[in-house]
Amino acid sequence: NEQEAVKWYKKAADQGNIFAISNLGVCYECGEGVEIDLWQAINCYRKAAELGNDCAQSNLAVCYLEGRGVNRDRNEAERWFKMAADQGNERAKVYLRDEFGVYI
């Protein structure tokens, strides 16, 4: 039940759980259990990313790369991908290699 998941993600996010904050961002971006709200998705990704969540960093980077909910900004995308890759995020490493020619 996606709506039930969102309810619990919100409760955990309110307590500062960075995984819940990041997952809530995915729900808002994809419309899982809530209406699509890219502004909310970006806010969730940014908060979790700033707290060090590599998945949120990678998701935020994709949003910057594609201009999804934010102005397209390759420099910001690369910055967030590098942060995520430095934590071992494989998706970020692939994007860095394929989009920016950076190998980590």
C-alpha atoms as a PDB file:
ATOM      1  CA  ASN A   1       0.000   0.000   0.000  1.00  0.00           C
ATOM      2  CA  GLU A   2       1.853   3.068  -1.285  1.00  0.00           C
ATOM      3  CA  GLN A   3      -0.243   5.556   0.671  1.00  0.00           C
ATOM      4  CA  GLU A   4       0.489   3.702   3.902  1.00  0.00           C
ATOM      5  CA  ALA A   5       4.194   3.694   3.057  1.00  0.00           C
ATOM      6  CA  VAL A   6       4.122   7.469   2.516  1.00  0.00           C
ATOM      7  CA  LYS A   7       2.442   7.913   5.893  1.00  0.00           C
ATOM      8  CA  TRP A   8       5.240   6.005   7.632  1.00  0.00           C
ATOM      9  CA  TYR A   9       7.976   7.668   5.591  1.00  0.00           C
ATOM     10  CA  LYS A  10       6.609  11.037   6.708  1.00  0.00           C
ATOM     11  CA  LYS A  11       6.613   9.974  10.360  1.00  0.00           C
ATOM     12  CA  ALA A  12      10.188   8.714  10.119  1.00  0.00           C
ATOM     13  CA  ALA A  13      11.261  11.775   8.114  1.00  0.00           C
ATOM     14  CA  ASP A  14       9.854  14.040  10.812  1.00  0.00           C
ATOM     15  CA  GLN A  15      12.215  12.262  13.218  1.00  0.00           C
ATOM     16  CA  GLY A  16      15.184  12.929  10.933  1.00  0.00           C
ATOM     17  CA  ASN A  17      15.565   9.506   9.323  1.00  0.00           C
ATOM     18  CA  ILE A  18      17.575  10.261   6.163  1.00  0.00           C
ATOM     19  CA  PHE A  19      16.502   7.054   4.419  1.00  0.00           C
ATOM     20  CA  ALA A  20      12.833   7.922   4.929  1.00  0.00           C
ATOM     21  CA  ILE A  21      13.437  11.479   3.711  1.00  0.00           C
ATOM     22  CA  SER A  22      15.118  10.144   0.568  1.00  0.00           C
ATOM     23  CA  ASN A  23      12.398   7.546  -0.039  1.00  0.00           C
ATOM     24  CA  LEU A  24       9.736  10.194   0.431  1.00  0.00           C
ATOM     25  CA  GLY A  25      11.459  12.144  -2.328  1.00  0.00           C
ATOM     26  CA  VAL A  26      11.114   9.140  -4.630  1.00  0.00           C
ATOM     27  CA  CYS A  27       7.408   8.933  -3.790  1.00  0.00           C
ATOM     28  CA  TYR A  28       6.908  12.595  -4.676  1.00  0.00           C
ATOM     29  CA  GLU A  29       8.965  12.320  -7.850  1.00  0.00           C
ATOM     30  CA  CYS A  30       7.217   9.200  -9.132  1.00  0.00           C
ATOM     31  CA  GLY A  31       3.726   9.739  -7.723  1.00  0.00           C
ATOM     32  CA  GLU A  32       3.826   6.656  -5.510  1.00  0.00           C
ATOM     33  CA  GLY A  33       1.158   7.070  -2.846  1.00  0.00           C
ATOM     34  CA  VAL A  34       1.009  10.844  -3.433  1.00  0.00           C
ATOM     35  CA  GLU A  35       0.507  13.191  -6.344  1.00  0.00           C
ATOM     36  CA  ILE A  36       3.673  13.947  -8.292  1.00  0.00           C
ATOM     37  CA  ASP A  37       5.254  17.016  -6.731  1.00  0.00           C
ATOM     38  CA  LEU A  38       8.729  17.730  -8.057  1.00  0.00           C
ATOM     39  CA  TRP A  39       9.211  20.662  -5.689  1.00  0.00           C
ATOM     40  CA  GLN A  40       8.644  18.357  -2.706  1.00  0.00           C
ATOM     41  CA  ALA A  41      10.828  15.659  -4.269  1.00  0.00           C
ATOM     42  CA  ILE A  42      13.731  18.082  -4.690  1.00  0.00           C
ATOM     43  CA  ASN A  43      13.320  19.348  -1.127  1.00  0.00           C
ATOM     44  CA  CYS A  44      13.426  15.803   0.226  1.00  0.00           C
ATOM     45  CA  TYR A  45      16.400  14.812  -1.909  1.00  0.00           C
ATOM     46  CA  ARG A  46      18.306  17.965  -0.968  1.00  0.00           C
ATOM     47  CA  LYS A  47      17.671  17.515   2.762  1.00  0.00           C
ATOM     48  CA  ALA A  48      18.717  13.858   2.744  1.00  0.00           C
ATOM     49  CA  ALA A  49      21.642  14.593   0.398  1.00  0.00           C
ATOM     50  CA  GLU A  50      22.958  17.325   2.666  1.00  0.00           C
ATOM     51  CA  LEU A  51      22.729  14.870   5.566  1.00  0.00           C
ATOM     52  CA  GLY A  52      24.920  12.454   3.583  1.00  0.00           C
ATOM     53  CA  ASN A  53      22.491   9.989   1.985  1.00  0.00           C
ATOM     54  CA  ASP A  54      24.184   8.734  -1.186  1.00  0.00           C
ATOM     55  CA  CYS A  55      20.936   7.665  -2.890  1.00  0.00           C
ATOM     56  CA  ALA A  56      19.452  11.124  -2.367  1.00  0.00           C
ATOM     57  CA  GLN A  57      22.674  12.682  -3.666  1.00  0.00           C
ATOM     58  CA  SER A  58      22.459  10.556  -6.797  1.00  0.00           C
ATOM     59  CA  ASN A  59      18.740  11.260  -7.280  1.00  0.00           C
ATOM     60  CA  LEU A  60      19.310  14.986  -6.835  1.00  0.00           C
ATOM     61  CA  ALA A  61      22.154  14.836  -9.347  1.00  0.00           C
ATOM     62  CA  VAL A  62      19.878  13.181 -11.920  1.00  0.00           C
ATOM     63  CA  CYS A  63      17.320  15.931 -11.384  1.00  0.00           C
ATOM     64  CA  TYR A  64      19.984  18.563 -12.063  1.00  0.00           C
ATOM     65  CA  LEU A  65      21.285  16.659 -15.073  1.00  0.00           C
ATOM     66  CA  GLU A  66      17.814  16.350 -16.619  1.00  0.00           C
ATOM     67  CA  GLY A  67      16.337  19.627 -15.370  1.00  0.00           C
ATOM     68  CA  ARG A  68      13.675  17.717 -13.481  1.00  0.00           C
ATOM     69  CA  GLY A  69      12.123  20.034 -10.881  1.00  0.00           C
ATOM     70  CA  VAL A  70      15.177  22.315 -10.998  1.00  0.00           C
ATOM     71  CA  ASN A  71      17.009  24.273 -13.650  1.00  0.00           C
ATOM     72  CA  ARG A  72      19.323  22.047 -15.608  1.00  0.00           C
ATOM     73  CA  ASP A  73      22.835  22.402 -14.190  1.00  0.00           C
ATOM     74  CA  ARG A  74      25.579  19.972 -15.208  1.00  0.00           C
ATOM     75  CA  ASN A  75      28.011  21.394 -12.647  1.00  0.00           C
ATOM     76  CA  GLU A  76      25.586  20.756  -9.785  1.00  0.00           C
ATOM     77  CA  ALA A  77      24.823  17.315 -11.182  1.00  0.00           C
ATOM     78  CA  GLU A  78      28.502  16.411 -11.295  1.00  0.00           C
ATOM     79  CA  ARG A  79      29.057  17.749  -7.764  1.00  0.00           C
ATOM     80  CA  TRP A  80      26.267  15.603  -6.301  1.00  0.00           C
ATOM     81  CA  PHE A  81      27.275  12.555  -8.349  1.00  0.00           C
ATOM     82  CA  LYS A  82      30.833  12.878  -6.995  1.00  0.00           C
ATOM     83  CA  MET A  83      29.565  13.026  -3.413  1.00  0.00           C
ATOM     84  CA  ALA A  84      27.481   9.917  -3.938  1.00  0.00           C
ATOM     85  CA  ALA A  85      30.264   8.087  -5.783  1.00  0.00           C
ATOM     86  CA  ASP A  86      32.720   8.878  -2.993  1.00  0.00           C
ATOM     87  CA  GLN A  87      30.408   6.857  -0.744  1.00  0.00           C
ATOM     88  CA  GLY A  88      30.425   3.938  -3.174  1.00  0.00           C
ATOM     89  CA  ASN A  89      27.162   4.640  -4.997  1.00  0.00           C
ATOM     90  CA  GLU A  90      27.472   2.604  -8.206  1.00  0.00           C
ATOM     91  CA  ARG A  91      24.750   4.497 -10.077  1.00  0.00           C
ATOM     92  CA  ALA A  92      26.618   7.749  -9.485  1.00  0.00           C
ATOM     93  CA  LYS A  93      29.869   6.185 -10.702  1.00  0.00           C
ATOM     94  CA  VAL A  94      28.179   5.102 -13.942  1.00  0.00           C
ATOM     95  CA  TYR A  95      26.738   8.587 -14.521  1.00  0.00           C
ATOM     96  CA  LEU A  96      30.114  10.191 -13.829  1.00  0.00           C
ATOM     97  CA  ARG A  97      31.803   7.880 -16.297  1.00  0.00           C
ATOM     98  CA  ASP A  98      29.153   8.056 -19.023  1.00  0.00           C
ATOM     99  CA  GLU A  99      28.102  11.710 -18.759  1.00  0.00           C
ATOM    100  CA  PHE A 100      31.255  13.429 -17.525  1.00  0.00           C
ATOM    101  CA  GLY A 101      34.146  11.122 -18.397  1.00  0.00           C
ATOM    102  CA  VAL A 102      35.117  10.913 -14.725  1.00  0.00           C
ATOM    103  CA  TYR A 103      36.278   7.588 -13.322  1.00  0.00           C
ATOM    104  CA  ILE A 104      36.016   6.930  -9.600  1.00  0.00           C
END
